[in-house]
Amino acid sequence: MLLYITLALIGVFLLCVPLKVTSEYQICINKSTPVMTDEQRLYTVLMKDYDRNTRPVFNASHSVNVSVGITLTQIFDVDEKNQVITTNIWLDQEWIDEKLTWDPAQYNGLSVLRVPCKSLWLPDIVLYNSAEDYTQGFMEALAMVSSNGNVFWPPIVKLRSTCAIDITYFPFDDQICRMKVGSWAYDGFQVDVFNRSNSIDLSNFVSNGEWELIDVKAVRNVVKYQCCPESFPDVTFTLHISRRTLYYTYNVIIPCVMLSVLTLLGFWMRPDSGEKVTLGLTVLLAFSVFMLLIAENMPATSSFVPLIGIYLTTVMALTSMSVILAVVTSNINQRGFKETDLPSFFRGFVVFLSKIMCMKLAHIHTDNMDEVKLEQLRNGMRDNYTRHMKTTFSNDSGCNLIEYENGEHRAAGNANARFNPEDRNWELQEILNRLQILILKEEEKEKSDALAKRWMEASEVIDRFLFWVFVLGTFVSSIFLLMIYPTIKKVSVDS
């Protein structure tokens, strides 16, 4: 027995001693058994006979419960024209893989293993309302596998989802965008989808310069489609966002209000000035440019009319009406040169407007009795002056006086008297006749000027009345459309 033990020891010693020694130390290496780390050993054991193409349940009647959540990091863009919202998210997915379990004690307390996602079975979670193709797929991030079979896979995804953009209250609009995710091929009996929480994780959210995030929520739905009798569960994530109005206030609303003020200033220009129409047309063209700029960013739809479009249309209508009325007042102002008096009904209307606006009229009266009395007084003064001059010349020189009546010469005094050019009083007679003609022309000019001033005064009264009408219309439309109406909208959305 002792002999056998001695021979065995000698054999082991001979096997461990190398034939050639190249260093001071000698290491006995068993080349038949390779050296492996704990993670390597665990990964080798787990992936042995693992099929990533089948559901990770041993009983086919059981479903794989997948919990889906979203960590929102950024609202990248909201495309109103194409009605698409782009978001950067972490798509958190968690499920139990019954084939990936082990005892951590056998691997030196290793309880979580990072495994490449392409080596595992992954739920076919897709975005139902995606506006992007599915050729790229999700990011190939590592999946965290726990010893109890729990798998957590959070790929980083940029989602482009459809969102029905309601631009009725633009730029004071709120939008409700939904992202519907769920399994595409598996029904609820094979892969059941749940939401990890009732909200969205916003711990890493970066605010957007144009949109403000108001509220977020996650809701699980179970829907039956026409293709299949089974139900398909999904999780719908809802984003309530509100547009920041500071940009549009400084770049659209304030310039529009300033242009509206320019329209009002046109009523303070004289009615006989042609610049009233020019100013109105210039303001109208400026409003048209703003309308085109807004139309470029709005979707080409007839379902909604933006609030800013309604406001621009309103002020453009007021501006167009101001141009039309400027032409009317200019025409009223020019009618005085036709030497026609104001109609009685128009005279009463102008007097009524002047009383409303507390304007004093200098040339227009309620009736024409004053004008008749003034005309009678002028005729009496002219007749008295003519008789006085006739008497003076007859007593002093005994000559005949020539009168002008209806533009023709008429001999005064004796019918048989003849004009004697050599008479020394001829010059005085001619001067008297010329003075009478000048008096008649001056009276006609005064009458024409009086008629013109009446029409001018009437146009000024109408212009002032239109100014206050347009001030009221511009103020009411601006306050209602830009302040009151958006407030009503927000109250209805909150309720």
Protein backbone atom coordinates (compact mmCIF):
# COMPACT_ATOMS: atom_id res chain seq x y z
CA MET A 1 0.00 0.00 0.00
CA LEU A 2 2.79 2.39 0.86
CA LEU A 3 4.44 1.51 -2.40
CA TYR A 4 1.41 2.51 -4.44
CA ILE A 5 1.15 5.86 -2.69
CA THR A 6 4.83 6.57 -3.31
CA LEU A 7 4.53 5.78 -7.01
CA ALA A 8 1.50 8.04 -7.35
CA LEU A 9 3.32 10.96 -5.76
CA ILE A 10 6.29 10.43 -8.04
CA GLY A 11 3.98 10.44 -11.09
CA VAL A 12 2.29 13.65 -10.13
CA PHE A 13 5.66 15.29 -9.51
CA LEU A 14 6.92 14.25 -12.94
CA LEU A 15 3.82 15.63 -14.64
CA CYS A 16 4.15 19.04 -12.96
CA VAL A 17 7.85 19.49 -13.70
CA PRO A 18 8.41 20.94 -17.23
CA LEU A 19 11.13 19.63 -19.43
CA LYS A 20 12.62 23.09 -19.94
CA VAL A 21 12.53 25.80 -17.27
CA THR A 22 12.43 29.33 -18.75
CA SER A 23 11.67 31.29 -15.59
CA GLU A 24 12.11 31.20 -11.90
CA TYR A 25 8.47 30.29 -11.23
CA GLN A 26 6.67 27.19 -12.31
CA ILE A 27 2.89 27.21 -12.72
CA CYS A 28 0.81 24.16 -13.10
CA ILE A 29 -2.00 24.92 -15.61
CA ASN A 30 -4.82 22.61 -16.40
CA LYS A 31 -5.44 23.38 -20.05
CA SER A 32 -8.53 21.20 -20.28
CA THR A 33 -10.68 23.61 -18.12
CA PRO A 34 -10.78 27.34 -19.35
CA VAL A 35 -10.96 30.18 -16.83
CA MET A 36 -14.39 32.15 -17.00
CA THR A 37 -15.78 35.15 -15.09
CA ASP A 38 -19.00 34.99 -13.16
CA GLU A 39 -20.88 37.08 -15.71
CA GLN A 40 -19.49 34.98 -18.53
CA ARG A 41 -20.49 31.78 -16.86
CA LEU A 42 -23.97 33.17 -16.12
CA TYR A 43 -24.45 34.49 -19.65
CA THR A 44 -23.33 31.12 -21.09
CA VAL A 45 -25.75 29.26 -18.92
CA LEU A 46 -28.68 31.60 -19.63
CA MET A 47 -28.18 31.74 -23.39
CA LYS A 48 -27.76 27.96 -23.72
CA ASP A 49 -30.75 26.71 -25.68
CA TYR A 50 -32.39 30.19 -25.44
CA ASP A 51 -34.68 31.07 -28.36
CA ARG A 52 -35.39 34.77 -28.75
CA ASN A 53 -38.15 34.17 -31.30
CA THR A 54 -40.65 32.65 -28.85
CA ARG A 55 -42.41 34.13 -25.85
CA PRO A 56 -40.47 33.58 -22.57
CA VAL A 57 -43.17 31.55 -20.79
CA PHE A 58 -43.17 27.82 -20.20
CA ASN A 59 -46.96 27.57 -20.19
CA ALA A 60 -48.37 28.80 -23.51
CA SER A 61 -51.67 29.77 -21.87
CA HIS A 62 -49.94 32.39 -19.78
CA SER A 63 -49.40 35.91 -21.08
CA VAL A 64 -46.33 38.08 -20.83
CA ASN A 65 -47.19 41.18 -18.83
CA VAL A 66 -45.30 44.14 -20.25
CA SER A 67 -45.27 47.43 -18.30
CA VAL A 68 -44.66 50.45 -20.52
CA GLY A 69 -43.70 53.93 -19.37
CA ILE A 70 -42.25 57.11 -20.86
CA THR A 71 -39.57 59.43 -19.57
CA LEU A 72 -40.09 62.65 -21.54
CA THR A 73 -36.87 64.56 -22.13
CA GLN A 74 -37.83 67.14 -24.76
CA ILE A 75 -40.62 68.35 -27.02
CA PHE A 76 -38.48 68.70 -30.11
CA ASP A 77 -40.93 70.20 -32.57
CA VAL A 78 -44.63 70.74 -33.26
CA ASP A 79 -45.33 70.90 -36.98
CA GLU A 80 -48.72 72.59 -37.31
CA LYS A 81 -48.72 72.39 -41.11
CA ASN A 82 -48.20 68.60 -41.21
CA GLN A 83 -49.86 68.04 -37.80
CA VAL A 84 -46.93 66.08 -36.36
CA ILE A 85 -45.29 66.35 -32.93
CA THR A 86 -41.71 65.18 -32.40
CA THR A 87 -40.59 64.16 -28.91
CA ASN A 88 -37.44 62.70 -27.39
CA ILE A 89 -38.26 60.02 -24.83
CA TRP A 90 -36.94 57.02 -22.95
CA LEU A 91 -39.31 54.17 -23.70
CA ASP A 92 -39.23 52.14 -20.49
CA GLN A 93 -40.33 48.51 -20.96
CA GLU A 94 -40.39 45.87 -18.25
CA TRP A 95 -41.52 42.22 -18.24
CA ILE A 96 -40.79 38.81 -16.70
CA ASP A 97 -38.71 36.33 -18.69
CA GLU A 98 -39.22 32.91 -17.10
CA LYS A 99 -36.17 31.48 -18.88
CA LEU A 100 -33.77 34.02 -17.37
CA THR A 101 -33.63 33.09 -13.67
CA TRP A 102 -30.72 32.02 -11.50
CA ASP A 103 -29.46 31.82 -7.95
CA PRO A 104 -27.20 34.79 -7.18
CA ALA A 105 -25.35 32.75 -4.53
CA GLN A 106 -23.89 30.52 -7.25
CA TYR A 107 -22.35 33.53 -8.96
CA ASN A 108 -20.86 35.41 -6.02
CA GLY A 109 -24.01 37.49 -5.39
CA LEU A 110 -24.49 38.57 -9.04
CA SER A 111 -28.19 39.60 -9.17
CA VAL A 112 -28.38 41.85 -12.27
CA LEU A 113 -26.86 41.08 -15.64
CA ARG A 114 -26.63 43.47 -18.61
CA VAL A 115 -27.46 41.58 -21.77
CA PRO A 116 -27.53 42.88 -25.39
CA CYS A 117 -31.14 43.35 -26.40
CA LYS A 118 -30.65 41.53 -29.70
CA SER A 119 -29.96 38.33 -27.73
CA LEU A 120 -33.29 38.43 -25.85
CA TRP A 121 -36.95 38.16 -26.69
CA LEU A 122 -38.36 41.69 -26.98
CA PRO A 123 -42.00 42.72 -27.07
CA ASP A 124 -43.03 44.25 -30.37
CA ILE A 125 -44.09 47.54 -28.82
CA VAL A 126 -44.76 50.13 -31.53
CA LEU A 127 -46.26 53.60 -31.75
CA TYR A 128 -49.67 53.18 -33.33
CA ASN A 129 -50.03 56.79 -34.51
CA SER A 130 -46.50 57.11 -35.78
CA ALA A 131 -45.68 59.51 -38.60
CA GLU A 132 -42.34 57.81 -39.24
CA ASP A 133 -41.41 54.54 -40.89
CA TYR A 134 -40.51 51.48 -38.82
CA THR A 135 -37.41 50.40 -40.74
CA GLN A 136 -34.94 51.76 -38.19
CA GLY A 137 -36.46 50.31 -35.04
CA PHE A 138 -35.43 51.20 -31.51
CA MET A 139 -31.99 51.85 -30.11
CA GLU A 140 -30.07 48.63 -29.34
CA ALA A 141 -29.57 49.44 -25.68
CA LEU A 142 -28.51 46.85 -23.10
CA ALA A 143 -31.31 45.15 -21.21
CA MET A 144 -31.01 44.80 -17.42
CA VAL A 145 -31.94 41.24 -16.40
CA SER A 146 -32.56 40.46 -12.71
CA SER A 147 -32.15 37.07 -11.05
CA ASN A 148 -35.93 36.68 -10.71
CA GLY A 149 -36.38 36.97 -14.49
CA ASN A 150 -37.37 40.64 -14.51
CA VAL A 151 -36.13 42.39 -17.70
CA PHE A 152 -35.93 46.19 -17.96
CA TRP A 153 -35.18 47.73 -21.36
CA PRO A 154 -35.16 51.58 -21.73
CA PRO A 155 -34.14 52.56 -25.29
CA ILE A 156 -33.85 56.24 -26.25
CA VAL A 157 -36.34 57.04 -29.01
CA LYS A 158 -37.31 60.08 -31.06
CA LEU A 159 -41.01 59.66 -31.77
CA ARG A 160 -42.84 61.48 -34.55
CA SER A 161 -46.51 61.01 -33.82
CA THR A 162 -49.57 62.45 -35.49
CA CYS A 163 -51.42 65.11 -33.55
CA ALA A 164 -54.65 66.78 -34.59
CA ILE A 165 -53.72 70.46 -34.35
CA ASP A 166 -56.63 72.74 -33.53
CA ILE A 167 -55.61 76.26 -34.60
CA THR A 168 -58.93 77.91 -33.76
CA TYR A 169 -57.37 80.00 -30.99
CA PHE A 170 -53.93 80.52 -32.57
CA PRO A 171 -51.69 82.00 -31.13
CA PHE A 172 -53.50 81.44 -27.81
CA ASP A 173 -54.11 77.76 -28.52
CA ASP A 174 -53.68 74.64 -26.42
CA GLN A 175 -53.02 71.28 -28.03
CA ILE A 176 -53.79 67.76 -26.83
CA CYS A 177 -51.38 65.26 -28.38
CA ARG A 178 -51.56 61.51 -27.76
CA MET A 179 -49.01 58.74 -28.22
CA LYS A 180 -50.57 55.30 -28.39
CA VAL A 181 -48.14 52.40 -27.83
CA GLY A 182 -48.81 48.69 -27.66
CA SER A 183 -47.99 45.28 -29.10
CA TRP A 184 -48.60 45.06 -32.81
CA ALA A 185 -48.83 41.30 -33.41
CA TYR A 186 -49.64 39.78 -30.00
CA ASP A 187 -53.12 40.04 -28.58
CA GLY A 188 -53.94 40.57 -24.93
CA PHE A 189 -53.87 36.85 -24.14
CA GLN A 190 -50.26 36.58 -25.30
CA VAL A 191 -48.76 39.95 -24.44
CA ASP A 192 -50.70 42.11 -22.01
CA VAL A 193 -49.62 45.75 -21.86
CA PHE A 194 -49.88 47.87 -18.71
CA ASN A 195 -48.78 51.39 -17.83
CA ARG A 196 -46.01 51.65 -15.27
CA SER A 197 -47.59 54.76 -13.72
CA ASN A 198 -50.51 57.13 -14.28
CA SER A 199 -48.23 59.90 -15.44
CA ILE A 200 -45.06 60.55 -17.41
CA ASP A 201 -41.64 60.92 -15.84
CA LEU A 202 -40.55 64.56 -16.22
CA SER A 203 -37.44 64.47 -14.05
CA ASN A 204 -35.20 65.01 -17.11
CA PHE A 205 -37.52 67.24 -19.11
CA VAL A 206 -36.05 70.25 -20.91
CA SER A 207 -38.59 73.02 -21.51
CA ASN A 208 -39.43 74.14 -25.03
CA GLY A 209 -39.15 77.78 -26.11
CA GLU A 210 -42.45 77.79 -28.01
CA TRP A 211 -44.60 75.33 -26.06
CA GLU A 212 -45.32 75.01 -22.36
CA LEU A 213 -46.12 71.59 -20.93
CA ILE A 214 -49.34 71.86 -18.92
CA ASP A 215 -50.28 68.28 -18.01
CA VAL A 216 -49.35 64.67 -18.77
CA LYS A 217 -51.09 61.38 -18.11
CA ALA A 218 -51.04 57.70 -19.11
CA VAL A 219 -54.15 55.56 -19.58
CA ARG A 220 -54.46 51.85 -20.43
CA ASN A 221 -57.05 50.90 -23.04
CA VAL A 222 -58.32 47.60 -24.36
CA VAL A 223 -59.55 47.77 -27.95
CA LYS A 224 -61.00 45.20 -30.34
CA TYR A 225 -60.20 45.69 -34.00
CA GLN A 226 -61.98 44.36 -37.06
CA CYS A 227 -59.06 42.16 -38.02
CA CYS A 228 -59.15 39.90 -35.01
CA PRO A 229 -61.70 38.74 -32.43
CA GLU A 230 -59.18 39.12 -29.60
CA SER A 231 -58.66 42.36 -27.73
CA PHE A 232 -55.45 44.34 -27.99
CA PRO A 233 -54.40 46.41 -24.96
CA ASP A 234 -52.44 49.61 -25.36
CA VAL A 235 -51.19 52.52 -23.27
CA THR A 236 -52.05 56.05 -24.42
CA PHE A 237 -49.82 58.87 -23.21
CA THR A 238 -51.43 62.32 -23.38
CA LEU A 239 -49.52 65.61 -23.55
CA HIS A 240 -51.35 68.87 -22.88
CA ILE A 241 -49.24 71.72 -24.23
CA SER A 242 -49.93 75.44 -24.49
CA ARG A 243 -48.31 77.85 -26.93
CA ARG A 244 -46.17 80.64 -25.50
CA THR A 245 -47.61 83.88 -26.87
CA LEU A 246 -44.72 86.29 -26.23
CA TYR A 247 -43.17 85.79 -29.69
CA TYR A 248 -46.44 86.32 -31.54
CA THR A 249 -47.38 89.25 -29.32
CA TYR A 250 -44.25 91.19 -30.24
CA ASN A 251 -44.07 90.13 -33.89
CA VAL A 252 -47.69 89.94 -34.98
CA ILE A 253 -50.22 91.38 -32.53
CA ILE A 254 -48.45 94.64 -31.59
CA PRO A 255 -47.67 95.53 -35.26
CA CYS A 256 -51.31 94.85 -36.15
CA VAL A 257 -52.51 97.14 -33.38
CA MET A 258 -50.09 99.83 -34.54
CA LEU A 259 -51.39 99.53 -38.10
CA SER A 260 -54.93 99.84 -36.78
CA VAL A 261 -53.92 103.10 -35.07
CA LEU A 262 -52.58 104.34 -38.40
CA THR A 263 -55.96 103.58 -39.94
CA LEU A 264 -57.63 105.72 -37.28
CA LEU A 265 -55.20 108.57 -37.86
CA GLY A 266 -56.36 108.73 -41.46
CA PHE A 267 -59.66 110.20 -40.29
CA TRP A 268 -57.82 113.21 -38.86
CA MET A 269 -56.53 114.20 -42.28
CA ARG A 270 -58.47 116.82 -44.26
CA PRO A 271 -61.20 115.33 -46.46
CA ASP A 272 -59.85 117.19 -49.49
CA SER A 273 -56.47 115.48 -49.02
CA GLY A 274 -55.86 112.55 -51.32
CA GLU A 275 -53.42 111.05 -48.80
CA LYS A 276 -56.34 109.56 -46.85
CA VAL A 277 -56.89 106.91 -49.51
CA THR A 278 -53.16 106.35 -49.95
CA LEU A 279 -52.65 105.77 -46.23
CA GLY A 280 -55.59 103.35 -46.06
CA LEU A 281 -54.32 101.31 -49.02
CA THR A 282 -50.80 101.16 -47.55
CA VAL A 283 -52.13 99.85 -44.24
CA LEU A 284 -54.30 97.34 -46.09
CA LEU A 285 -51.26 95.99 -47.96
CA ALA A 286 -49.34 95.66 -44.69
CA PHE A 287 -52.18 93.60 -43.21
CA SER A 288 -52.14 91.40 -46.30
CA VAL A 289 -48.43 90.69 -45.75
CA PHE A 290 -49.11 89.63 -42.15
CA MET A 291 -51.93 87.39 -43.36
CA LEU A 292 -49.62 85.66 -45.84
CA LEU A 293 -46.93 85.12 -43.19
CA ILE A 294 -49.43 83.45 -40.85
CA ALA A 295 -50.94 81.35 -43.64
CA GLU A 296 -47.51 79.85 -44.41
CA ASN A 297 -47.31 78.23 -40.94
CA MET A 298 -50.92 77.11 -40.73
CA PRO A 299 -52.21 73.78 -42.09
CA ALA A 300 -54.19 74.05 -45.29
CA THR A 301 -57.49 73.04 -43.76
CA SER A 302 -61.00 74.42 -43.86
CA SER A 303 -61.98 72.87 -40.53
CA PHE A 304 -60.47 75.62 -38.39
CA VAL A 305 -59.97 79.36 -38.76
CA PRO A 306 -57.18 80.77 -36.56
CA LEU A 307 -58.05 83.52 -34.11
CA ILE A 308 -55.27 85.75 -35.38
CA GLY A 309 -56.68 85.27 -38.89
CA ILE A 310 -60.11 86.39 -37.69
CA TYR A 311 -58.51 89.43 -36.04
CA LEU A 312 -56.54 90.34 -39.17
CA THR A 313 -59.63 89.87 -41.33
CA THR A 314 -61.61 92.13 -39.00
CA VAL A 315 -59.07 94.94 -39.00
CA MET A 316 -58.60 94.53 -42.77
CA ALA A 317 -62.35 94.88 -43.19
CA LEU A 318 -62.29 98.03 -41.05
CA THR A 319 -59.37 99.38 -43.07
CA SER A 320 -61.13 98.63 -46.37
CA MET A 321 -64.26 100.33 -45.09
CA SER A 322 -62.19 103.33 -44.03
CA VAL A 323 -60.80 103.64 -47.57
CA ILE A 324 -64.30 103.49 -49.03
CA LEU A 325 -65.57 106.09 -46.58
CA ALA A 326 -62.53 108.28 -47.26
CA VAL A 327 -63.57 108.36 -50.91
CA VAL A 328 -67.15 109.18 -49.88
CA THR A 329 -66.10 112.05 -47.59
CA SER A 330 -63.77 113.39 -50.29
CA ASN A 331 -66.68 113.35 -52.73
CA ILE A 332 -68.89 115.20 -50.24
CA ASN A 333 -66.15 117.76 -49.76
CA GLN A 334 -65.85 118.35 -53.54
CA ARG A 335 -69.59 118.73 -54.14
CA GLY A 336 -69.45 122.29 -52.82
CA PHE A 337 -67.68 123.40 -55.99
CA LYS A 338 -70.78 122.49 -58.00
CA GLU A 339 -72.60 125.40 -56.34
CA THR A 340 -75.41 123.21 -55.06
CA ASP A 341 -76.79 123.60 -51.58
CA LEU A 342 -77.10 120.82 -48.98
CA PRO A 343 -80.33 118.82 -49.22
CA SER A 344 -82.64 119.37 -46.30
CA PHE A 345 -82.49 115.76 -45.04
CA PHE A 346 -78.70 115.72 -45.31
CA ARG A 347 -78.50 119.05 -43.51
CA GLY A 348 -80.59 117.67 -40.64
CA PHE A 349 -78.44 114.53 -40.45
CA VAL A 350 -75.24 116.55 -40.23
CA VAL A 351 -76.71 118.81 -37.54
CA PHE A 352 -77.80 115.71 -35.57
CA LEU A 353 -74.29 114.22 -35.74
CA SER A 354 -72.73 117.50 -34.68
CA LYS A 355 -74.94 117.61 -31.60
CA ILE A 356 -73.95 114.05 -30.67
CA MET A 357 -70.26 114.90 -30.89
CA CYS A 358 -70.67 118.38 -29.37
CA MET A 359 -69.33 120.11 -32.48
CA LYS A 360 -70.23 123.74 -33.22
CA LEU A 361 -71.30 124.43 -36.80
CA ALA A 362 -70.26 127.74 -38.34
CA HIS A 363 -71.86 127.45 -41.80
CA ILE A 364 -74.64 124.87 -41.50
CA HIS A 365 -77.93 125.61 -39.74
CA THR A 366 -81.06 123.63 -39.07
CA ASP A 367 -83.15 125.57 -41.62
CA ASN A 368 -82.38 128.09 -44.35
CA MET A 369 -84.36 131.00 -42.85
CA ASP A 370 -81.18 132.78 -41.87
CA GLU A 371 -79.82 132.47 -45.40
CA VAL A 372 -83.09 133.89 -46.84
CA LYS A 373 -83.04 136.84 -44.47
CA LEU A 374 -79.38 137.49 -45.28
CA GLU A 375 -80.10 137.36 -49.00
CA GLN A 376 -83.02 139.79 -48.62
CA LEU A 377 -80.83 142.13 -46.61
CA ARG A 378 -78.15 142.05 -49.31
CA ASN A 379 -80.69 142.76 -52.06
CA GLY A 380 -82.15 145.69 -50.07
CA MET A 381 -78.72 147.15 -49.44
CA ARG A 382 -77.84 146.83 -53.13
CA ASP A 383 -81.09 148.50 -54.25
CA ASN A 384 -80.67 151.35 -51.76
CA TYR A 385 -77.08 151.86 -52.88
CA THR A 386 -78.14 151.96 -56.54
CA ARG A 387 -80.95 154.48 -55.90
CA HIS A 388 -78.62 156.62 -53.86
CA MET A 389 -76.00 156.71 -56.61
CA LYS A 390 -78.64 157.50 -59.25
CA THR A 391 -79.99 160.38 -57.25
CA THR A 392 -76.52 161.75 -56.59
CA PHE A 393 -75.44 161.72 -60.21
CA SER A 394 -78.76 163.11 -61.48
CA ASN A 395 -78.75 166.03 -59.08
CA ASP A 396 -75.09 166.90 -59.63
CA SER A 397 -74.66 166.53 -63.36
CA GLY A 398 -78.10 165.85 -64.83
CA CYS A 399 -76.68 162.92 -66.77
CA ASN A 400 -78.24 159.56 -67.39
CA LEU A 401 -77.08 156.47 -65.57
CA ILE A 402 -76.42 153.22 -67.29
CA GLU A 403 -77.36 150.07 -65.36
CA TYR A 404 -76.32 146.52 -65.89
CA GLU A 405 -79.13 144.11 -65.58
CA ASN A 406 -78.74 140.41 -66.40
CA GLY A 407 -75.45 141.17 -68.13
CA GLU A 408 -76.96 143.69 -70.60
CA HIS A 409 -76.87 147.52 -70.79
CA ARG A 410 -80.10 149.37 -69.94
CA ALA A 411 -80.49 153.14 -70.19
CA ALA A 412 -81.85 154.85 -67.10
CA GLY A 413 -83.94 158.06 -67.10
CA ASN A 414 -85.36 159.37 -70.36
CA ALA A 415 -86.01 156.64 -72.94
CA ASN A 416 -85.01 158.96 -75.77
CA ALA A 417 -81.68 159.78 -74.13
CA ARG A 418 -78.59 158.77 -75.96
CA PHE A 419 -75.17 157.99 -74.70
CA ASN A 420 -72.76 160.86 -75.30
CA PRO A 421 -69.13 159.75 -75.09
CA GLU A 422 -68.00 163.33 -74.93
CA ASP A 423 -70.00 163.97 -71.80
CA ARG A 424 -67.69 164.77 -68.93
CA ASN A 425 -69.68 162.56 -66.56
CA TRP A 426 -69.23 159.48 -68.74
CA GLU A 427 -66.26 158.28 -66.70
CA LEU A 428 -68.23 158.49 -63.48
CA GLN A 429 -71.10 156.57 -65.04
CA GLU A 430 -68.74 153.85 -66.27
CA ILE A 431 -67.11 153.58 -62.85
CA LEU A 432 -70.50 153.20 -61.22
CA ASN A 433 -71.47 150.45 -63.62
CA ARG A 434 -68.16 148.62 -63.09
CA LEU A 435 -68.58 148.86 -59.34
CA GLN A 436 -72.01 147.35 -59.61
CA ILE A 437 -70.62 144.48 -61.67
CA LEU A 438 -67.87 143.88 -59.12
CA ILE A 439 -70.45 143.89 -56.33
CA LEU A 440 -72.50 141.25 -58.14
CA LYS A 441 -69.45 139.07 -58.76
CA GLU A 442 -68.32 139.40 -55.16
CA GLU A 443 -71.75 138.36 -53.96
CA GLU A 444 -71.70 135.35 -56.26
CA LYS A 445 -68.24 134.43 -54.99
CA GLU A 446 -69.35 134.77 -51.39
CA LYS A 447 -72.35 132.58 -52.09
CA SER A 448 -70.17 129.97 -53.81
CA ASP A 449 -67.68 130.04 -50.93
CA ALA A 450 -70.51 129.66 -48.45
CA LEU A 451 -71.83 126.60 -50.28
CA ALA A 452 -68.33 125.09 -50.45
CA LYS A 453 -67.78 125.72 -46.75
CA ARG A 454 -71.06 124.02 -45.91
CA TRP A 455 -70.08 120.89 -47.82
CA MET A 456 -66.60 120.96 -46.29
CA GLU A 457 -68.08 121.34 -42.82
CA ALA A 458 -70.48 118.47 -43.51
CA SER A 459 -67.58 116.23 -44.63
CA GLU A 460 -65.60 117.15 -41.50
CA VAL A 461 -68.56 116.26 -39.27
CA ILE A 462 -69.02 112.91 -41.02
CA ASP A 463 -65.28 112.26 -40.86
CA ARG A 464 -65.22 112.91 -37.13
CA PHE A 465 -68.24 110.67 -36.58
CA LEU A 466 -66.60 107.84 -38.58
CA PHE A 467 -63.43 108.28 -36.56
CA TRP A 468 -65.24 107.54 -33.30
CA VAL A 469 -67.12 104.66 -34.91
CA PHE A 470 -63.86 103.09 -36.05
CA VAL A 471 -62.21 103.75 -32.69
CA LEU A 472 -65.04 101.87 -31.00
CA GLY A 473 -64.95 99.04 -33.55
CA THR A 474 -61.18 98.60 -33.36
CA PHE A 475 -61.14 98.74 -29.57
CA VAL A 476 -64.01 96.28 -29.12
CA SER A 477 -62.67 93.81 -31.71
CA SER A 478 -59.14 93.92 -30.28
CA ILE A 479 -60.27 93.49 -26.67
CA PHE A 480 -62.72 90.70 -27.47
CA LEU A 481 -60.55 88.70 -29.89
CA LEU A 482 -57.21 89.14 -28.13
CA MET A 483 -58.21 89.11 -24.46
CA ILE A 484 -61.76 87.95 -23.72
CA TYR A 485 -62.12 85.15 -26.28
CA PRO A 486 -58.87 83.33 -25.33
CA THR A 487 -59.95 83.50 -21.67
CA ILE A 488 -63.28 81.85 -22.53
CA LYS A 489 -61.35 79.15 -24.37
CA LYS A 490 -59.09 78.40 -21.41
CA VAL A 491 -62.05 78.15 -19.06
CA SER A 492 -63.77 75.66 -21.37
CA VAL A 493 -60.60 73.57 -21.69
CA ASP A 494 -60.06 73.43 -17.93
CA SER A 495 -63.67 72.47 -17.29
